[in-house]
Amino acid sequence: EIADGESLIGEKLIELNVIHHLLYAVGNSGYPDSQRQALKSLQVFIKKYLEVKELVELLVGDELFQKLKSSPSGISESLSLDDIDTLVGCLGQRVSFFSEYFHNNIHIYHFRDSFSSVVIKHI
């Protein structure tokens, strides 16, 4: 509900890297209820913020991204072991959103474990 409500709160959560924790929770197969709740929250962020959609697609790939858009109730059964590894591994792939660019329609994703940045510009 927080992510779906006030935009400022959602943006602050994004800046605090909540997306990576949600991806990790979706991949945590030992807790199916937490998986469902995390996926519901993640879907809200994906729908509301284009930046999050692009980031998640970049991190997990197209096939897994399509699974993440499906119903949260069946997520436990639809994830393969490779999918789970990818989702859990996202926590180590933290990305910094630089807020000064966030509002100027220029989004820079900096992967902390590499020397490259991905710059996505929207017109």
C-alpha atoms as a PDB file:
ATOM      1  CA  GLU A   1       0.000   0.000   0.000  1.00  0.00           C
ATOM      2  CA  ILE A   2       2.879   2.385   0.713  1.00  0.00           C
ATOM      3  CA  ALA A   3       4.328   1.873  -2.769  1.00  0.00           C
ATOM      4  CA  ASP A   4       0.919   2.379  -4.348  1.00  0.00           C
ATOM      5  CA  GLY A   5       0.185   5.564  -2.416  1.00  0.00           C
ATOM      6  CA  GLU A   6       2.312   8.668  -2.109  1.00  0.00           C
ATOM      7  CA  SER A   7       4.861   9.086  -4.938  1.00  0.00           C
ATOM      8  CA  LEU A   8       7.471  10.662  -2.688  1.00  0.00           C
ATOM      9  CA  ILE A   9       7.496   7.627  -0.386  1.00  0.00           C
ATOM     10  CA  GLY A  10       7.775   5.265  -3.346  1.00  0.00           C
ATOM     11  CA  GLU A  11      10.673   7.239  -4.800  1.00  0.00           C
ATOM     12  CA  LYS A  12      12.466   7.256  -1.451  1.00  0.00           C
ATOM     13  CA  LEU A  13      12.041   3.484  -1.173  1.00  0.00           C
ATOM     14  CA  ILE A  14      13.524   3.115  -4.663  1.00  0.00           C
ATOM     15  CA  GLU A  15      16.504   5.258  -3.667  1.00  0.00           C
ATOM     16  CA  LEU A  16      16.989   2.978  -0.648  1.00  0.00           C
ATOM     17  CA  ASN A  17      17.278  -0.041  -2.992  1.00  0.00           C
ATOM     18  CA  VAL A  18      14.062  -1.725  -1.839  1.00  0.00           C
ATOM     19  CA  ILE A  19      13.686  -3.292  -5.310  1.00  0.00           C
ATOM     20  CA  HIS A  20      16.652  -5.606  -4.750  1.00  0.00           C
ATOM     21  CA  HIS A  21      15.241  -6.776  -1.443  1.00  0.00           C
ATOM     22  CA  LEU A  22      11.866  -7.437  -3.048  1.00  0.00           C
ATOM     23  CA  LEU A  23      13.546  -9.474  -5.802  1.00  0.00           C
ATOM     24  CA  TYR A  24      15.413 -11.443  -3.144  1.00  0.00           C
ATOM     25  CA  ALA A  25      12.184 -12.091  -1.232  1.00  0.00           C
ATOM     26  CA  VAL A  26      10.456 -13.286  -4.411  1.00  0.00           C
ATOM     27  CA  GLY A  27      13.301 -15.777  -4.841  1.00  0.00           C
ATOM     28  CA  ASN A  28      13.193 -16.974  -1.238  1.00  0.00           C
ATOM     29  CA  SER A  29      11.385 -20.253  -1.865  1.00  0.00           C
ATOM     30  CA  GLY A  30      11.304 -21.208   1.818  1.00  0.00           C
ATOM     31  CA  TYR A  31       8.613 -18.620   2.503  1.00  0.00           C
ATOM     32  CA  PRO A  32       5.823 -18.763  -0.121  1.00  0.00           C
ATOM     33  CA  ASP A  33       3.632 -16.151   1.591  1.00  0.00           C
ATOM     34  CA  SER A  34       6.529 -13.685   1.665  1.00  0.00           C
ATOM     35  CA  GLN A  35       7.174 -14.451  -2.002  1.00  0.00           C
ATOM     36  CA  ARG A  36       3.594 -13.524  -2.886  1.00  0.00           C
ATOM     37  CA  GLN A  37       3.626 -10.321  -0.826  1.00  0.00           C
ATOM     38  CA  ALA A  38       6.991  -9.247  -2.248  1.00  0.00           C
ATOM     39  CA  LEU A  39       5.798  -9.911  -5.795  1.00  0.00           C
ATOM     40  CA  LYS A  40       2.648  -7.849  -5.228  1.00  0.00           C
ATOM     41  CA  SER A  41       4.782  -4.928  -4.052  1.00  0.00           C
ATOM     42  CA  LEU A  42       7.271  -5.371  -6.876  1.00  0.00           C
ATOM     43  CA  GLN A  43       4.456  -5.351  -9.435  1.00  0.00           C
ATOM     44  CA  VAL A  44       3.196  -2.032  -8.049  1.00  0.00           C
ATOM     45  CA  PHE A  45       6.662  -0.491  -8.440  1.00  0.00           C
ATOM     46  CA  ILE A  46       7.010  -1.923 -11.961  1.00  0.00           C
ATOM     47  CA  LYS A  47       3.662  -0.462 -13.031  1.00  0.00           C
ATOM     48  CA  LYS A  48       4.179   2.906 -11.380  1.00  0.00           C
ATOM     49  CA  TYR A  49       7.843   3.594 -12.228  1.00  0.00           C
ATOM     50  CA  LEU A  50       9.302   3.036 -15.685  1.00  0.00           C
ATOM     51  CA  GLU A  51      12.777   3.139 -14.118  1.00  0.00           C
ATOM     52  CA  VAL A  52      11.970   0.127 -11.954  1.00  0.00           C
ATOM     53  CA  LYS A  53      10.531  -1.800 -14.904  1.00  0.00           C
ATOM     54  CA  GLU A  54      13.721  -1.184 -16.891  1.00  0.00           C
ATOM     55  CA  LEU A  55      15.942  -2.069 -13.939  1.00  0.00           C
ATOM     56  CA  VAL A  56      14.135  -5.328 -13.186  1.00  0.00           C
ATOM     57  CA  GLU A  57      14.187  -6.327 -16.865  1.00  0.00           C
ATOM     58  CA  LEU A  58      17.904  -5.587 -16.946  1.00  0.00           C
ATOM     59  CA  LEU A  59      18.615  -7.612 -13.805  1.00  0.00           C
ATOM     60  CA  VAL A  60      16.498 -10.710 -14.453  1.00  0.00           C
ATOM     61  CA  GLY A  61      16.119 -10.963 -18.232  1.00  0.00           C
ATOM     62  CA  ASP A  62      12.986 -11.147 -20.362  1.00  0.00           C
ATOM     63  CA  GLU A  63      11.816 -14.691 -19.567  1.00  0.00           C
ATOM     64  CA  LEU A  64      11.932 -14.271 -15.791  1.00  0.00           C
ATOM     65  CA  PHE A  65      10.515 -10.750 -16.081  1.00  0.00           C
ATOM     66  CA  GLN A  66       7.445 -12.221 -17.787  1.00  0.00           C
ATOM     67  CA  LYS A  67       7.000 -14.641 -14.875  1.00  0.00           C
ATOM     68  CA  LEU A  68       7.203 -11.721 -12.436  1.00  0.00           C
ATOM     69  CA  LYS A  69       4.270 -10.081 -14.205  1.00  0.00           C
ATOM     70  CA  SER A  70       2.070 -13.135 -13.567  1.00  0.00           C
ATOM     71  CA  SER A  71      -0.253 -13.773 -10.646  1.00  0.00           C
ATOM     72  CA  PRO A  72       1.503 -13.718  -7.259  1.00  0.00           C
ATOM     73  CA  SER A  73      -0.533 -16.703  -6.060  1.00  0.00           C
ATOM     74  CA  GLY A  74       1.309 -19.135  -8.354  1.00  0.00           C
ATOM     75  CA  ILE A  75       4.810 -17.680  -8.201  1.00  0.00           C
ATOM     76  CA  SER A  76       6.247 -20.451  -5.999  1.00  0.00           C
ATOM     77  CA  GLU A  77       5.356 -23.127  -8.516  1.00  0.00           C
ATOM     78  CA  SER A  78       6.421 -21.183 -11.610  1.00  0.00           C
ATOM     79  CA  LEU A  79      10.004 -20.399 -10.570  1.00  0.00           C
ATOM     80  CA  SER A  80      12.801 -22.740 -11.641  1.00  0.00           C
ATOM     81  CA  LEU A  81      15.994 -23.213  -9.640  1.00  0.00           C
ATOM     82  CA  ASP A  82      17.786 -20.932 -12.114  1.00  0.00           C
ATOM     83  CA  ASP A  83      15.091 -18.279 -11.604  1.00  0.00           C
ATOM     84  CA  ILE A  84      15.538 -18.509  -7.839  1.00  0.00           C
ATOM     85  CA  ASP A  85      19.320 -18.182  -8.194  1.00  0.00           C
ATOM     86  CA  THR A  86      18.871 -15.106 -10.370  1.00  0.00           C
ATOM     87  CA  LEU A  87      16.441 -13.456  -7.950  1.00  0.00           C
ATOM     88  CA  VAL A  88      18.505 -14.180  -4.853  1.00  0.00           C
ATOM     89  CA  GLY A  89      21.623 -12.973  -6.673  1.00  0.00           C
ATOM     90  CA  CYS A  90      19.990  -9.603  -7.340  1.00  0.00           C
ATOM     91  CA  LEU A  91      20.665  -8.584  -3.759  1.00  0.00           C
ATOM     92  CA  GLY A  92      24.386  -8.575  -4.583  1.00  0.00           C
ATOM     93  CA  GLN A  93      23.735  -6.526  -7.734  1.00  0.00           C
ATOM     94  CA  ARG A  94      22.643  -3.407  -5.917  1.00  0.00           C
ATOM     95  CA  VAL A  95      22.048  -0.436  -8.117  1.00  0.00           C
ATOM     96  CA  SER A  96      22.209   3.155  -7.021  1.00  0.00           C
ATOM     97  CA  PHE A  97      19.536   5.501  -8.279  1.00  0.00           C
ATOM     98  CA  PHE A  98      20.923   8.995  -8.331  1.00  0.00           C
ATOM     99  CA  SER A  99      17.979  11.151  -7.299  1.00  0.00           C
ATOM    100  CA  GLU A 100      19.275  14.321  -8.956  1.00  0.00           C
ATOM    101  CA  TYR A 101      18.852  12.541 -12.283  1.00  0.00           C
ATOM    102  CA  PHE A 102      15.643  10.762 -11.307  1.00  0.00           C
ATOM    103  CA  HIS A 103      13.524  13.885 -11.738  1.00  0.00           C
ATOM    104  CA  ASN A 104      15.254  15.063 -14.929  1.00  0.00           C
ATOM    105  CA  ASN A 105      14.204  11.975 -16.907  1.00  0.00           C
ATOM    106  CA  ILE A 106      17.785  10.753 -17.030  1.00  0.00           C
ATOM    107  CA  HIS A 107      18.257   7.589 -15.066  1.00  0.00           C
ATOM    108  CA  ILE A 108      21.693   6.273 -14.184  1.00  0.00           C
ATOM    109  CA  TYR A 109      22.002   2.783 -12.811  1.00  0.00           C
ATOM    110  CA  HIS A 110      25.422   2.154 -11.323  1.00  0.00           C
ATOM    111  CA  PHE A 111      26.237  -1.460 -10.524  1.00  0.00           C
ATOM    112  CA  ARG A 112      28.413  -1.456  -7.419  1.00  0.00           C
ATOM    113  CA  ASP A 113      30.221  -4.667  -8.364  1.00  0.00           C
ATOM    114  CA  SER A 114      31.335  -3.448 -11.778  1.00  0.00           C
ATOM    115  CA  PHE A 115      32.943  -0.400 -13.298  1.00  0.00           C
ATOM    116  CA  SER A 116      30.202   0.320 -15.776  1.00  0.00           C
ATOM    117  CA  SER A 117      27.046   2.355 -15.607  1.00  0.00           C
ATOM    118  CA  VAL A 118      23.952   2.054 -17.696  1.00  0.00           C
ATOM    119  CA  VAL A 119      22.459   5.369 -18.740  1.00  0.00           C
ATOM    120  CA  ILE A 120      18.902   5.365 -19.965  1.00  0.00           C
ATOM    121  CA  LYS A 121      17.470   8.625 -21.236  1.00  0.00           C
ATOM    122  CA  HIS A 122      13.784   9.275 -21.782  1.00  0.00           C
ATOM    123  CA  ILE A 123      12.523  12.062 -23.975  1.00  0.00           C
END
